[in-house]
């Protein structure tokens, strides 16, 4: 609870935390808006393949032009200004850099940049949760071996869920379930970038004015982003993946304890200690009252009769028995909160969520009948959506992780079936493929072919 005080001390000592941001999209721009106003930190540099876009991001975030005019990293280090470049690796190697924020949203780039940052002894804040879901456990292991922090991004839902899980466990409460809300209906699994705005509840005009990327937004609607984020939560907390994927039950925020408990006790869960995403839509498409569409939650169990009485006495959102209770946060601030991760990594040497093992995986699942010769179009596209499965199931069935769903099909895959490694043409020289396979060998019970 004293990160701000520590930041003030760094500012007074003229030793700011120096940050390199890779990716000047929406998340990165939101971070920049607050970084300008936060004492004790300096954006040493920003790397983006589109330098013009990066400059526009600073402008939108309210930065004075002269503050982003440093001609080099050396000049930025000396003046306190910021250097903009298209060379991410040069940024990672820049003298004086403390923390790398990876916000590209591209798993291949995320893994590459994280490995380079670790090799150069930089802390890593991984905004690209796609990279974390694909190979986060091995990235975290490499960071630990190098003596640096690898962290999920505070402000994004996985880190906030991890915080709630940590709170419950620190208080001595067994965690029953943890997760987030979203807008979901079973038909949304077939959504494409052409249908996304109808399902999302926006008009084409609204989406255009917002500059929204239909493929990216479609990953939220078709269930993929939920699978990715819950995979990250499982790997960072040790919670188990549901045996047959997320069920997305419609649940009001204040009733999470009533529904997010085991079926044996009247709930919806297959077992305790799992994750679930709750929908803001009922199955008849009517809105759930007081829903949790952009929030996070945890449900936990009373370990004694005395604690159970306390759950009821203090209105801790108990279920009807008082045996289970819930806690939720109704919203998340995305990049506006990212400074918490930066400060925690640099000042405490602690992540705001970090993989501790390989519990879950998110795998490519066919939206329609797929034909040989077609090239998979990845997250949020027309062909596959991402389903969470236990890591052991992923290995046993030789399933293709969603983060690698850009390969050519060599066999047909029926609608609703998962895509396997045997269904695609694999470039075994691809460094991302190599790194993922290494993770499977290090963390899986057996090696796969």
Protein backbone atom coordinates (compact mmCIF):
# COMPACT_ATOMS: atom_id res chain seq x y z
CA UNK A 1 0.00 0.00 0.00
CA UNK A 2 2.99 2.32 -0.22
CA UNK A 3 3.95 2.16 -3.89
CA UNK A 4 3.11 5.82 -4.38
CA UNK A 5 5.37 6.83 -1.51
CA UNK A 6 8.19 4.76 -3.00
CA UNK A 7 7.63 6.45 -6.36
CA UNK A 8 7.78 9.88 -4.72
CA UNK A 9 11.11 8.93 -3.16
CA UNK A 10 12.48 7.88 -6.55
CA UNK A 11 11.33 11.21 -7.99
CA UNK A 12 12.99 13.15 -5.18
CA UNK A 13 16.21 11.22 -5.73
CA UNK A 14 15.98 11.85 -9.48
CA UNK A 15 16.12 8.09 -10.07
CA UNK A 16 12.91 7.41 -11.97
CA UNK A 17 11.91 3.95 -13.08
CA UNK A 18 12.77 4.01 -16.77
CA UNK A 19 10.27 2.22 -18.97
CA UNK A 20 10.28 1.01 -22.54
CA UNK A 21 6.83 0.56 -24.10
CA UNK A 22 6.49 -1.72 -27.12
CA UNK A 23 3.22 -1.15 -28.94
CA UNK A 24 1.36 2.17 -29.02
CA UNK A 25 -2.16 0.83 -29.47
CA UNK A 26 -5.12 1.46 -27.19
CA UNK A 27 -3.64 -0.21 -24.10
CA UNK A 28 -0.29 1.51 -24.56
CA UNK A 29 -1.92 4.90 -25.13
CA UNK A 30 -3.99 4.54 -21.96
CA UNK A 31 -0.80 3.82 -20.02
CA UNK A 32 0.92 6.84 -21.52
CA UNK A 33 -1.96 9.07 -20.43
CA UNK A 34 -1.29 8.24 -16.77
CA UNK A 35 2.48 7.77 -16.98
CA UNK A 36 2.86 11.45 -17.81
CA UNK A 37 1.24 12.30 -14.46
CA UNK A 38 2.89 9.67 -12.26
CA UNK A 39 5.91 10.75 -10.21
CA UNK A 40 8.99 8.55 -10.19
CA UNK A 41 8.69 7.06 -13.66
CA UNK A 42 10.03 8.02 -17.08
CA UNK A 43 8.98 6.66 -20.45
CA UNK A 44 12.49 6.30 -21.82
CA UNK A 45 11.28 5.10 -25.19
CA UNK A 46 8.38 3.75 -27.21
CA UNK A 47 8.79 1.25 -30.04
CA UNK A 48 6.11 0.79 -32.68
CA UNK A 49 6.39 -0.33 -36.30
CA UNK A 50 4.30 2.73 -37.14
CA UNK A 51 6.22 5.69 -35.71
CA UNK A 52 3.55 8.13 -36.89
CA UNK A 53 0.94 6.20 -34.93
CA UNK A 54 3.18 6.28 -31.87
CA UNK A 55 3.51 10.06 -32.08
CA UNK A 56 -0.26 10.36 -32.44
CA UNK A 57 -0.68 8.19 -29.33
CA UNK A 58 1.37 10.67 -27.30
CA UNK A 59 -0.68 13.53 -28.71
CA UNK A 60 -3.96 11.82 -27.78
CA UNK A 61 -2.61 11.12 -24.31
CA UNK A 62 -1.89 14.82 -23.75
CA UNK A 63 1.90 14.85 -23.91
CA UNK A 64 3.67 18.11 -24.87
CA UNK A 65 5.49 17.78 -28.20
CA UNK A 66 8.86 18.64 -26.67
CA UNK A 67 8.52 15.78 -24.17
CA UNK A 68 8.72 13.20 -26.98
CA UNK A 69 11.45 14.86 -29.02
CA UNK A 70 14.54 13.06 -27.70
CA UNK A 71 16.68 12.19 -30.77
CA UNK A 72 18.17 9.07 -29.15
CA UNK A 73 17.91 6.88 -26.06
CA UNK A 74 21.09 8.45 -24.70
CA UNK A 75 19.52 11.88 -25.06
CA UNK A 76 16.31 10.65 -23.44
CA UNK A 77 18.27 9.27 -20.50
CA UNK A 78 19.99 12.60 -20.03
CA UNK A 79 17.02 14.93 -20.56
CA UNK A 80 14.12 12.96 -19.10
CA UNK A 81 12.27 13.12 -22.43
CA UNK A 82 11.19 10.17 -24.60
CA UNK A 83 12.63 8.67 -27.78
CA UNK A 84 10.32 7.07 -30.34
CA UNK A 85 11.58 4.30 -32.62
CA UNK A 86 10.40 1.42 -34.76
CA UNK A 87 13.19 -0.81 -33.41
CA UNK A 88 11.91 -2.73 -30.38
CA UNK A 89 15.18 -4.59 -29.83
CA UNK A 90 17.13 -1.32 -29.75
CA UNK A 91 14.73 -0.06 -27.08
CA UNK A 92 15.18 -3.21 -25.01
CA UNK A 93 18.97 -2.76 -25.12
CA UNK A 94 18.89 0.96 -24.31
CA UNK A 95 21.11 2.02 -21.42
CA UNK A 96 19.32 2.75 -18.16
CA UNK A 97 16.13 0.87 -19.03
CA UNK A 98 14.45 -0.89 -16.08
CA UNK A 99 11.12 -2.27 -17.30
CA UNK A 100 9.81 -3.43 -20.67
CA UNK A 101 6.05 -3.21 -21.22
CA UNK A 102 5.10 -5.57 -24.07
CA UNK A 103 1.78 -4.38 -25.52
CA UNK A 104 1.81 -5.56 -29.14
CA UNK A 105 -1.02 -8.08 -28.77
CA UNK A 106 0.87 -10.48 -31.05
CA UNK A 107 2.04 -13.67 -29.29
CA UNK A 108 5.04 -14.25 -31.56
CA UNK A 109 6.27 -10.69 -30.98
CA UNK A 110 5.47 -10.88 -27.28
CA UNK A 111 7.61 -13.97 -26.74
CA UNK A 112 10.47 -12.57 -28.83
CA UNK A 113 10.50 -9.27 -26.96
CA UNK A 114 10.15 -10.89 -23.54
CA UNK A 115 13.10 -13.19 -24.19
CA UNK A 116 15.22 -10.26 -25.36
CA UNK A 117 14.25 -8.24 -22.28
CA UNK A 118 15.10 -11.12 -19.95
CA UNK A 119 18.45 -11.61 -21.70
CA UNK A 120 19.18 -7.92 -21.08
CA UNK A 121 18.08 -8.14 -17.42
CA UNK A 122 14.94 -6.02 -17.81
CA UNK A 123 11.75 -6.64 -15.89
CA UNK A 124 8.85 -7.62 -18.18
CA UNK A 125 5.23 -6.54 -17.87
CA UNK A 126 3.37 -8.75 -20.33
CA UNK A 127 0.29 -6.92 -21.57
CA UNK A 128 0.12 -9.41 -24.46
CA UNK A 129 -1.84 -12.08 -22.60
CA UNK A 130 -1.89 -14.11 -25.83
CA UNK A 131 1.86 -14.66 -25.43
CA UNK A 132 1.41 -15.55 -21.77
CA UNK A 133 -1.29 -18.12 -22.57
CA UNK A 134 0.92 -19.65 -25.26
CA UNK A 135 4.17 -19.96 -23.30
CA UNK A 136 4.01 -17.88 -20.12
CA UNK A 137 5.23 -20.59 -17.72
CA UNK A 138 8.54 -20.91 -19.57
CA UNK A 139 8.92 -17.13 -19.89
CA UNK A 140 8.42 -16.81 -16.14
CA UNK A 141 10.99 -19.55 -15.50
CA UNK A 142 13.54 -17.81 -17.72
CA UNK A 143 12.92 -14.51 -15.94
CA UNK A 144 13.36 -16.08 -12.51
CA UNK A 145 16.64 -17.67 -13.61
CA UNK A 146 17.83 -14.26 -14.82
CA UNK A 147 16.82 -12.54 -11.58
CA UNK A 148 14.15 -10.30 -13.12
CA UNK A 149 10.39 -10.04 -12.75
CA UNK A 150 7.91 -11.37 -15.31
CA UNK A 151 4.44 -10.01 -14.61
CA UNK A 152 0.90 -9.97 -15.87
CA UNK A 153 -0.46 -6.47 -16.49
CA UNK A 154 -2.42 -4.83 -13.70
CA UNK A 155 -5.56 -3.21 -15.09
CA UNK A 156 -6.19 -6.15 -17.38
CA UNK A 157 -8.61 -8.67 -15.91
CA UNK A 158 -6.23 -11.64 -15.35
CA UNK A 159 -4.00 -9.68 -12.96
CA UNK A 160 -7.00 -8.29 -11.11
CA UNK A 161 -8.44 -11.79 -10.73
CA UNK A 162 -5.08 -13.00 -9.41
CA UNK A 163 -5.20 -10.18 -6.87
CA UNK A 164 -8.62 -11.32 -5.62
CA UNK A 165 -7.42 -14.94 -5.40
CA UNK A 166 -4.35 -13.83 -3.46
CA UNK A 167 -6.52 -11.74 -1.12
CA UNK A 168 -8.79 -14.70 -0.35
CA UNK A 169 -5.94 -17.13 0.25
CA UNK A 170 -4.03 -14.61 2.37
CA UNK A 171 -7.15 -14.30 4.54
CA UNK A 172 -7.27 -18.09 4.93
CA UNK A 173 -10.29 -18.62 2.70
CA UNK A 174 -10.24 -21.63 0.32
CA UNK A 175 -10.89 -20.31 -3.19
CA UNK A 176 -13.83 -21.98 -4.88
CA UNK A 177 -13.91 -20.12 -8.18
CA UNK A 178 -12.50 -17.00 -9.80
CA UNK A 179 -13.13 -15.25 -13.07
CA UNK A 180 -14.68 -12.33 -14.86
CA UNK A 181 -17.76 -11.19 -16.72
CA UNK A 182 -18.34 -10.84 -20.45
CA UNK A 183 -21.08 -10.49 -23.04
CA UNK A 184 -21.79 -14.06 -24.18
CA UNK A 185 -24.33 -16.22 -25.94
CA UNK A 186 -23.69 -19.73 -27.34
CA UNK A 187 -24.27 -18.47 -30.91
CA UNK A 188 -21.40 -15.98 -30.51
CA UNK A 189 -18.82 -18.76 -30.97
CA UNK A 190 -19.56 -18.52 -34.71
CA UNK A 191 -19.10 -14.74 -34.81
CA UNK A 192 -16.80 -13.26 -37.45
CA UNK A 193 -15.41 -9.76 -38.01
CA UNK A 194 -18.45 -9.15 -40.24
CA UNK A 195 -21.03 -9.97 -37.55
CA UNK A 196 -19.19 -8.71 -34.45
CA UNK A 197 -20.91 -5.34 -34.08
CA UNK A 198 -24.37 -6.89 -34.16
CA UNK A 199 -23.38 -9.21 -31.30
CA UNK A 200 -21.33 -6.57 -29.50
CA UNK A 201 -24.27 -4.18 -29.36
CA UNK A 202 -22.63 -1.40 -31.38
CA UNK A 203 -23.67 0.09 -34.70
CA UNK A 204 -21.20 0.11 -37.59
CA UNK A 205 -21.07 3.88 -37.24
CA UNK A 206 -20.19 3.73 -33.54
CA UNK A 207 -17.46 1.19 -34.20
CA UNK A 208 -16.01 3.29 -37.00
CA UNK A 209 -15.93 6.45 -34.87
CA UNK A 210 -14.20 4.53 -32.10
CA UNK A 211 -11.58 3.24 -34.53
CA UNK A 212 -12.35 -0.25 -33.27
CA UNK A 213 -10.61 -3.23 -34.89
CA UNK A 214 -13.39 -5.75 -35.73
CA UNK A 215 -11.05 -8.76 -35.57
CA UNK A 216 -9.75 -7.77 -32.15
CA UNK A 217 -13.21 -7.03 -30.78
CA UNK A 218 -14.49 -10.28 -32.25
CA UNK A 219 -12.05 -12.20 -30.04
CA UNK A 220 -13.99 -10.85 -27.05
CA UNK A 221 -17.37 -11.80 -28.49
CA UNK A 222 -16.61 -15.31 -29.81
CA UNK A 223 -15.29 -16.52 -26.45
CA UNK A 224 -11.62 -16.53 -27.40
CA UNK A 225 -10.40 -13.75 -25.14
CA UNK A 226 -12.18 -15.35 -22.20
CA UNK A 227 -10.37 -18.62 -22.89
CA UNK A 228 -7.02 -16.83 -23.18
CA UNK A 229 -7.46 -14.83 -20.01
CA UNK A 230 -8.71 -17.73 -17.90
CA UNK A 231 -5.75 -19.79 -19.11
CA UNK A 232 -3.46 -17.08 -17.78
CA UNK A 233 -5.33 -17.07 -14.46
CA UNK A 234 -5.12 -20.84 -14.08
CA UNK A 235 -1.40 -20.85 -14.79
CA UNK A 236 -0.78 -17.98 -12.36
CA UNK A 237 -2.92 -19.27 -9.47
CA UNK A 238 -2.96 -23.05 -9.77
CA UNK A 239 -6.73 -23.06 -10.25
CA UNK A 240 -7.98 -25.81 -12.55
CA UNK A 241 -9.50 -25.37 -15.97
CA UNK A 242 -13.09 -26.59 -16.39
CA UNK A 243 -13.06 -30.12 -17.87
CA UNK A 244 -15.13 -29.12 -20.93
CA UNK A 245 -14.35 -25.45 -21.29
CA UNK A 246 -16.07 -22.37 -19.95
CA UNK A 247 -19.85 -22.58 -19.60
CA UNK A 248 -20.55 -18.82 -19.33
CA UNK A 249 -23.54 -19.00 -16.95
CA UNK A 250 -25.63 -15.80 -16.69
CA UNK A 251 -25.08 -14.54 -13.14
CA UNK A 252 -25.76 -11.18 -11.42
CA UNK A 253 -22.71 -9.70 -9.72
CA UNK A 254 -24.08 -9.92 -6.18
CA UNK A 255 -25.03 -13.59 -6.62
CA UNK A 256 -21.70 -15.07 -7.62
CA UNK A 257 -21.56 -17.18 -4.42
CA UNK A 258 -25.00 -18.64 -5.18
CA UNK A 259 -24.00 -19.90 -8.61
CA UNK A 260 -20.19 -20.19 -8.61
CA UNK A 261 -20.00 -23.12 -6.19
CA UNK A 262 -20.03 -26.90 -6.79
CA UNK A 263 -23.08 -28.57 -8.33
CA UNK A 264 -23.27 -30.80 -5.26
CA UNK A 265 -24.10 -27.67 -3.24
CA UNK A 266 -26.58 -26.27 -5.75
CA UNK A 267 -24.15 -24.33 -7.92
CA UNK A 268 -22.88 -24.65 -11.49
CA UNK A 269 -19.27 -25.81 -11.00
CA UNK A 270 -17.88 -29.31 -11.68
CA UNK A 271 -15.53 -28.93 -8.71
CA UNK A 272 -13.95 -26.43 -6.33
CA UNK A 273 -10.82 -24.54 -7.29
CA UNK A 274 -11.65 -23.68 -10.88
CA UNK A 275 -12.33 -20.66 -13.11
CA UNK A 276 -15.46 -19.52 -14.89
CA UNK A 277 -16.64 -16.55 -16.95
CA UNK A 278 -20.15 -15.27 -16.33
CA UNK A 279 -22.36 -13.73 -19.01
CA UNK A 280 -24.19 -10.42 -18.95
CA UNK A 281 -26.84 -11.95 -21.22
CA UNK A 282 -29.42 -14.59 -20.37
CA UNK A 283 -29.81 -17.40 -22.89
CA UNK A 284 -32.92 -15.65 -24.27
CA UNK A 285 -30.67 -12.63 -24.99
CA UNK A 286 -32.24 -10.44 -22.29
CA UNK A 287 -29.72 -8.60 -20.09
CA UNK A 288 -28.77 -10.01 -16.70
CA UNK A 289 -29.70 -7.45 -14.02
CA UNK A 290 -26.70 -5.90 -12.24
CA UNK A 291 -24.33 -7.92 -14.42
CA UNK A 292 -20.54 -8.03 -14.22
CA UNK A 293 -19.72 -7.61 -17.92
CA UNK A 294 -16.47 -5.69 -17.38
CA UNK A 295 -15.65 -6.80 -13.84
CA UNK A 296 -13.94 -9.63 -11.96
CA UNK A 297 -14.88 -11.83 -9.00
CA UNK A 298 -13.83 -14.56 -6.60
CA UNK A 299 -15.93 -16.98 -4.56
CA UNK A 300 -14.57 -18.57 -1.42
CA UNK A 301 -15.59 -20.94 1.34
CA UNK A 302 -16.02 -20.56 5.08
CA UNK A 303 -13.46 -22.87 6.73
CA UNK A 304 -15.38 -22.99 10.02
CA UNK A 305 -18.86 -22.49 11.46
CA UNK A 306 -17.68 -19.30 13.15
CA UNK A 307 -16.46 -17.83 9.83
CA UNK A 308 -19.72 -18.90 8.22
CA UNK A 309 -21.64 -16.88 10.80
CA UNK A 310 -19.38 -13.91 10.09
CA UNK A 311 -20.16 -14.18 6.37
CA UNK A 312 -23.82 -13.59 7.22
CA UNK A 313 -23.31 -11.04 10.00
CA UNK A 314 -21.21 -8.76 7.79
CA UNK A 315 -23.19 -9.24 4.54
CA UNK A 316 -20.25 -10.70 2.65
CA UNK A 317 -22.45 -11.60 -0.34
CA UNK A 318 -23.08 -15.13 0.98
CA UNK A 319 -25.08 -17.82 -0.77
CA UNK A 320 -28.33 -18.99 0.81
CA UNK A 321 -26.47 -21.37 3.16
CA UNK A 322 -23.81 -18.91 4.28
CA UNK A 323 -21.14 -21.51 3.50
CA UNK A 324 -19.88 -19.63 0.45
CA UNK A 325 -19.30 -15.92 -0.12
CA UNK A 326 -18.22 -13.75 -3.01
CA UNK A 327 -16.29 -10.58 -3.70
CA UNK A 328 -16.33 -8.68 -6.96
CA UNK A 329 -14.91 -5.60 -8.60
CA UNK A 330 -17.40 -4.16 -11.09
CA UNK A 331 -14.90 -2.73 -13.57
CA UNK A 332 -11.30 -2.61 -14.69
CA UNK A 333 -9.36 0.38 -16.00
CA UNK A 334 -7.13 -1.44 -18.50
CA UNK A 335 -3.99 0.58 -19.36
CA UNK A 336 -4.85 3.38 -16.94
CA UNK A 337 -3.85 1.07 -14.07
CA UNK A 338 -0.72 -0.42 -15.58
CA UNK A 339 1.59 1.70 -13.44
CA UNK A 340 0.87 -0.63 -10.53
CA UNK A 341 2.65 -3.47 -12.34
CA UNK A 342 5.59 -1.26 -13.31
CA UNK A 343 6.06 0.02 -9.76
CA UNK A 344 5.60 -3.41 -8.17
CA UNK A 345 8.19 -5.01 -10.47
CA UNK A 346 10.81 -2.26 -10.16
CA UNK A 347 10.34 -1.27 -6.50
CA UNK A 348 9.29 -4.50 -4.82
CA UNK A 349 10.64 -7.09 -7.21
CA UNK A 350 7.17 -8.64 -7.28
CA UNK A 351 4.80 -9.38 -10.16
CA UNK A 352 1.10 -8.57 -10.24
CA UNK A 353 0.38 -12.13 -11.29
CA UNK A 354 2.87 -14.58 -12.77
CA UNK A 355 2.67 -18.18 -14.08
CA UNK A 356 3.63 -20.75 -11.46
CA UNK A 357 2.98 -23.81 -13.60
CA UNK A 358 1.13 -25.11 -16.64
CA UNK A 359 -2.45 -25.82 -15.61
CA UNK A 360 -4.43 -24.81 -18.68
CA UNK A 361 -4.21 -24.17 -22.40
CA UNK A 362 -6.37 -22.34 -24.94
CA UNK A 363 -6.83 -24.31 -28.13
CA UNK A 364 -8.05 -23.64 -31.65
CA UNK A 365 -11.65 -24.82 -32.21
CA UNK A 366 -13.36 -24.79 -35.61
CA UNK A 367 -16.12 -22.21 -36.15
CA UNK A 368 -17.15 -23.96 -39.36
CA UNK A 369 -16.07 -26.97 -41.39
CA UNK A 370 -12.43 -26.32 -42.27
CA UNK A 371 -10.86 -27.59 -45.48
CA UNK A 372 -7.33 -28.70 -46.38
CA UNK A 373 -5.34 -25.90 -48.01
CA UNK A 374 -6.99 -23.14 -46.00
CA UNK A 375 -4.74 -21.01 -43.80
CA UNK A 376 -5.99 -20.45 -40.27
CA UNK A 377 -6.62 -16.79 -39.49
CA UNK A 378 -6.07 -16.89 -35.73
CA UNK A 379 -7.67 -15.01 -32.88
CA UNK A 380 -10.93 -13.21 -33.64
CA UNK A 381 -11.08 -14.36 -37.24
CA UNK A 382 -13.46 -16.35 -39.41
CA UNK A 383 -12.20 -19.87 -38.80
CA UNK A 384 -11.43 -20.70 -35.13
CA UNK A 385 -12.19 -19.59 -31.60
CA UNK A 386 -10.18 -20.31 -28.46
CA UNK A 387 -11.41 -22.85 -25.90
CA UNK A 388 -9.75 -23.40 -22.52
CA UNK A 389 -8.85 -27.00 -21.65
CA UNK A 390 -6.69 -28.58 -18.94
CA UNK A 391 -3.05 -28.66 -20.01
CA UNK A 392 -2.98 -32.44 -19.63
CA UNK A 393 -5.87 -32.73 -22.10
CA UNK A 394 -4.08 -30.44 -24.55
CA UNK A 395 -1.01 -32.66 -24.46
CA UNK A 396 -2.91 -35.93 -24.60
CA UNK A 397 -4.95 -34.85 -27.61
CA UNK A 398 -2.02 -33.10 -29.32
CA UNK A 399 -4.14 -29.97 -29.72
CA UNK A 400 -2.94 -26.86 -31.56
CA UNK A 401 -2.70 -23.83 -29.23
CA UNK A 402 -4.67 -20.84 -30.44
CA UNK A 403 -1.57 -18.65 -30.47
CA UNK A 404 -0.19 -20.75 -33.33
CA UNK A 405 -3.43 -20.89 -35.34
CA UNK A 406 -2.00 -19.25 -38.46
CA UNK A 407 -0.84 -22.42 -40.23
CA UNK A 408 -2.07 -24.15 -43.39
CA UNK A 409 -4.49 -27.04 -42.90
CA UNK A 410 -3.53 -30.43 -44.33
CA UNK A 411 -6.62 -32.27 -43.09
CA UNK A 412 -10.30 -31.33 -42.75
CA UNK A 413 -11.59 -30.30 -39.32
CA UNK A 414 -15.35 -30.46 -38.70
CA UNK A 415 -17.16 -27.54 -37.10
CA UNK A 416 -16.92 -27.66 -33.31
CA UNK A 417 -13.84 -29.91 -33.26
CA UNK A 418 -10.44 -28.83 -31.98
CA UNK A 419 -7.55 -28.46 -34.43
CA UNK A 420 -4.55 -30.69 -33.72
CA UNK A 421 -0.89 -30.40 -34.65
CA UNK A 422 -1.47 -33.23 -37.12
CA UNK A 423 -4.11 -31.15 -38.94
CA UNK A 424 -1.68 -28.38 -39.95
CA UNK A 425 1.57 -27.87 -41.81
CA UNK A 426 4.09 -27.01 -39.07
CA UNK A 427 7.22 -24.98 -39.72
CA UNK A 428 9.48 -26.51 -37.09
CA UNK A 429 12.04 -23.75 -37.67
CA UNK A 430 9.60 -21.14 -36.40
CA UNK A 431 11.12 -19.86 -33.11
CA UNK A 432 7.67 -19.50 -31.53
CA UNK A 433 6.87 -23.13 -32.33
CA UNK A 434 10.24 -24.18 -30.91
CA UNK A 435 9.69 -22.22 -27.70
CA UNK A 436 6.18 -23.57 -27.23
CA UNK A 437 7.38 -27.14 -27.73
CA UNK A 438 10.13 -26.54 -25.20
CA UNK A 439 7.52 -25.34 -22.69
CA UNK A 440 5.53 -28.53 -23.21
CA UNK A 441 8.63 -30.61 -22.49
CA UNK A 442 9.59 -28.61 -19.41
CA UNK A 443 6.13 -28.40 -17.84
CA UNK A 444 4.18 -31.31 -19.33
CA UNK A 445 4.09 -34.84 -17.90
CA UNK A 446 5.35 -36.23 -21.21
CA UNK A 447 6.95 -34.89 -24.36
CA UNK A 448 4.85 -34.69 -27.53
CA UNK A 449 5.99 -35.62 -31.02
